[in-house]
């Protein structure tokens, strides 16, 4: 009798154990943010706030060209950024902006595609600084020497920068495949 009860209990435990691990699901939480002193305000494309989402238009594979140092290939989106210290005791004498990302393509200074679901292959995002005269210069993401001075207002209460984001191949001549593209970067403004 005890052997039958023990055998039944053992069999039941295998059924329960088997059903407990029959379905295992997992995922990923992306949690991030930034804490800043907040002395001055940021305005990006006329929206007040430190963070901004840039959406490029959908393009064809043929529209994605090699990254250029002083030119933009194809579709791009302008990003106007303003450091606004109006109403504070801060007077801006000089400003400098750099960009950094743990997902940068150090070989060419672009942002790597971090999309994981149906991602485009061999596609990066390039960011170019637009000087006041219109000249373009590639921003080398993650390179602290790739710094850009802001244009200061006459009252020394604000500084502005203009950038353009565009698609670029991850290396010269790389074969591009269709899919989603996503990248991110942080910007750092130093001023005195």
Protein backbone atom coordinates (compact mmCIF):
# COMPACT_ATOMS: atom_id res chain seq x y z
CA UNK A 1 0.00 0.00 0.00
CA UNK A 2 2.75 2.45 0.94
CA UNK A 3 4.60 1.58 -2.26
CA UNK A 4 1.49 2.42 -4.32
CA UNK A 5 1.02 5.76 -2.55
CA UNK A 6 4.72 6.58 -2.95
CA UNK A 7 4.63 5.66 -6.65
CA UNK A 8 1.48 7.75 -7.22
CA UNK A 9 2.98 10.73 -5.38
CA UNK A 10 6.21 10.43 -7.36
CA UNK A 11 4.33 10.23 -10.68
CA UNK A 12 2.21 13.25 -9.71
CA UNK A 13 5.33 15.26 -8.86
CA UNK A 14 6.78 14.57 -12.33
CA UNK A 15 3.55 15.77 -13.96
CA UNK A 16 3.50 18.93 -11.83
CA UNK A 17 7.21 19.57 -12.41
CA UNK A 18 6.81 19.04 -16.14
CA UNK A 19 3.88 21.41 -16.40
CA UNK A 20 5.60 24.07 -14.28
CA UNK A 21 8.37 24.47 -16.84
CA UNK A 22 6.35 23.84 -19.98
CA UNK A 23 6.20 27.54 -20.79
CA UNK A 24 8.94 30.01 -19.97
CA UNK A 25 8.81 33.52 -21.31
CA UNK A 26 11.29 36.34 -20.95
CA UNK A 27 11.94 39.77 -22.20
CA UNK A 28 13.89 42.92 -21.65
CA UNK A 29 13.11 46.17 -19.90
CA UNK A 30 14.89 49.25 -21.20
CA UNK A 31 14.97 51.82 -18.44
CA UNK A 32 16.99 54.97 -18.66
CA UNK A 33 17.05 58.62 -17.94
CA UNK A 34 19.29 61.52 -17.12
CA UNK A 35 19.63 63.74 -14.09
CA UNK A 36 20.90 67.23 -14.83
CA UNK A 37 21.53 70.40 -12.85
CA UNK A 38 18.80 72.04 -14.92
CA UNK A 39 20.18 75.57 -14.59
CA UNK A 40 19.31 76.36 -18.19
CA UNK A 41 16.52 75.00 -20.38
CA UNK A 42 16.86 73.03 -23.61
CA UNK A 43 14.66 73.68 -26.61
CA UNK A 44 14.87 71.15 -29.44
CA UNK A 45 12.97 71.88 -32.67
CA UNK A 46 10.86 74.43 -30.76
CA UNK A 47 9.92 71.94 -28.02
CA UNK A 48 11.11 72.61 -24.49
CA UNK A 49 12.77 69.57 -22.94
CA UNK A 50 16.08 67.75 -22.74
CA UNK A 51 15.01 64.71 -24.80
CA UNK A 52 13.69 64.57 -28.35
CA UNK A 53 12.72 61.86 -30.86
CA UNK A 54 13.87 62.31 -34.45
CA UNK A 55 12.04 60.33 -37.14
CA UNK A 56 13.58 60.03 -40.59
CA UNK A 57 11.35 59.32 -43.57
CA UNK A 58 11.24 55.85 -45.07
CA UNK A 59 13.71 55.47 -47.94
CA UNK A 60 14.72 52.76 -50.41
CA UNK A 61 17.94 50.77 -50.20
CA UNK A 62 19.33 52.83 -53.09
CA UNK A 63 18.90 56.01 -51.00
CA UNK A 64 21.37 54.87 -48.31
CA UNK A 65 24.84 56.09 -49.23
CA UNK A 66 28.30 56.03 -47.72
CA UNK A 67 28.95 58.47 -44.89
CA UNK A 68 30.61 61.70 -45.97
CA UNK A 69 32.62 64.09 -43.80
CA UNK A 70 31.18 67.28 -45.28
CA UNK A 71 28.07 66.18 -47.18
CA UNK A 72 24.79 64.37 -46.54
CA UNK A 73 23.51 61.61 -48.77
CA UNK A 74 19.76 61.54 -49.28
CA UNK A 75 17.00 61.86 -46.70
CA UNK A 76 17.83 63.91 -43.61
CA UNK A 77 16.09 65.62 -40.73
CA UNK A 78 17.18 68.96 -39.31
CA UNK A 79 17.57 69.25 -35.54
CA UNK A 80 17.70 72.76 -34.07
CA UNK A 81 18.97 72.85 -30.49
CA UNK A 82 19.01 75.81 -28.12
CA UNK A 83 20.47 76.19 -24.65
CA UNK A 84 18.32 78.89 -23.03
CA UNK A 85 19.58 80.52 -19.83
CA UNK A 86 17.07 83.40 -19.86
CA UNK A 87 15.96 84.25 -16.33
CA UNK A 88 19.06 82.77 -14.71
CA UNK A 89 22.29 84.31 -13.46
CA UNK A 90 24.21 82.42 -16.18
CA UNK A 91 25.95 84.45 -18.87
CA UNK A 92 27.32 82.29 -21.67
CA UNK A 93 30.82 83.20 -22.80
CA UNK A 94 31.53 79.96 -24.64
CA UNK A 95 29.68 76.71 -25.28
CA UNK A 96 30.64 73.32 -26.62
CA UNK A 97 28.50 70.30 -27.54
CA UNK A 98 29.66 66.71 -27.95
CA UNK A 99 27.76 63.46 -28.49
CA UNK A 100 28.29 60.02 -27.00
CA UNK A 101 26.68 56.61 -27.30
CA UNK A 102 27.64 53.11 -26.30
CA UNK A 103 26.21 52.08 -29.67
CA UNK A 104 28.51 54.04 -31.96
CA UNK A 105 30.45 52.83 -34.95
CA UNK A 106 33.90 54.06 -33.92
CA UNK A 107 35.37 53.32 -37.36
CA UNK A 108 33.41 56.19 -38.91
CA UNK A 109 31.81 58.04 -35.98
CA UNK A 110 28.21 57.16 -36.81
CA UNK A 111 25.45 55.67 -34.65
CA UNK A 112 25.00 51.92 -35.01
CA UNK A 113 21.58 50.46 -35.72
CA UNK A 114 20.34 48.95 -32.44
CA UNK A 115 16.98 47.73 -33.77
CA UNK A 116 16.51 44.03 -32.98
CA UNK A 117 13.17 43.33 -34.67
CA UNK A 118 13.33 43.15 -38.47
CA UNK A 119 16.41 45.39 -38.51
CA UNK A 120 17.97 46.84 -41.64
CA UNK A 121 21.47 45.48 -42.19
CA UNK A 122 24.56 47.65 -42.64
CA UNK A 123 22.68 50.90 -41.96
CA UNK A 124 23.88 53.52 -39.46
CA UNK A 125 22.71 57.02 -38.63
CA UNK A 126 25.07 59.91 -39.37
CA UNK A 127 24.83 63.24 -37.57
CA UNK A 128 26.25 66.38 -39.17
CA UNK A 129 26.75 69.80 -37.60
CA UNK A 130 25.51 72.65 -39.77
CA UNK A 131 27.68 75.76 -39.32
CA UNK A 132 26.12 79.22 -39.48
CA UNK A 133 27.27 79.54 -43.12
CA UNK A 134 25.73 76.17 -44.02
CA UNK A 135 28.94 74.12 -44.10
CA UNK A 136 28.49 70.53 -42.90
CA UNK A 137 30.80 68.57 -40.62
CA UNK A 138 30.30 64.96 -39.54
CA UNK A 139 29.84 64.62 -35.78
CA UNK A 140 32.05 61.76 -34.61
CA UNK A 141 29.91 60.13 -31.93
CA UNK A 142 31.98 59.15 -28.90
CA UNK A 143 34.94 61.34 -29.87
CA UNK A 144 35.36 64.17 -27.34
CA UNK A 145 37.49 66.11 -29.84
CA UNK A 146 34.46 66.27 -32.17
CA UNK A 147 33.06 69.28 -30.29
CA UNK A 148 30.97 72.08 -31.75
CA UNK A 149 30.68 75.62 -30.40
CA UNK A 150 27.21 77.09 -30.18
CA UNK A 151 26.23 80.39 -31.76
CA UNK A 152 25.82 82.79 -28.83
CA UNK A 153 23.03 85.34 -28.61
CA UNK A 154 24.04 89.00 -28.22
CA UNK A 155 22.76 89.06 -24.61
CA UNK A 156 24.79 85.90 -23.81
CA UNK A 157 21.67 84.14 -22.52
CA UNK A 158 21.38 81.45 -25.20
CA UNK A 159 23.37 79.36 -27.64
CA UNK A 160 22.12 77.48 -30.69
CA UNK A 161 23.28 74.53 -32.78
CA UNK A 162 21.89 72.97 -35.93
CA UNK A 163 22.42 69.33 -36.87
CA UNK A 164 21.13 66.99 -39.56
CA UNK A 165 20.52 63.28 -39.07
CA UNK A 166 20.64 60.93 -42.06
CA UNK A 167 20.99 57.30 -43.06
CA UNK A 168 24.47 56.03 -43.95
CA UNK A 169 26.04 52.67 -44.68
CA UNK A 170 27.85 51.09 -41.74
CA UNK A 171 31.00 50.95 -43.85
CA UNK A 172 31.87 52.07 -47.36
CA UNK A 173 30.34 49.80 -49.97
CA UNK A 174 28.44 47.63 -47.47
CA UNK A 175 25.41 45.82 -48.92
CA UNK A 176 22.29 47.30 -47.32
CA UNK A 177 19.16 45.26 -46.62
CA UNK A 178 15.70 46.62 -45.85
CA UNK A 179 14.37 46.88 -42.32
CA UNK A 180 13.93 49.11 -39.30
CA UNK A 181 16.62 51.49 -38.05
CA UNK A 182 16.93 52.81 -34.50
CA UNK A 183 19.79 54.62 -32.79
CA UNK A 184 20.32 56.81 -29.77
CA UNK A 185 22.88 59.23 -28.48
CA UNK A 186 23.33 61.55 -25.55
CA UNK A 187 24.54 65.10 -25.97
CA UNK A 188 26.74 66.97 -23.54
CA UNK A 189 26.90 70.76 -23.40
CA UNK A 190 29.75 72.47 -21.58
CA UNK A 191 29.57 76.20 -20.99
CA UNK A 192 31.18 79.01 -19.03
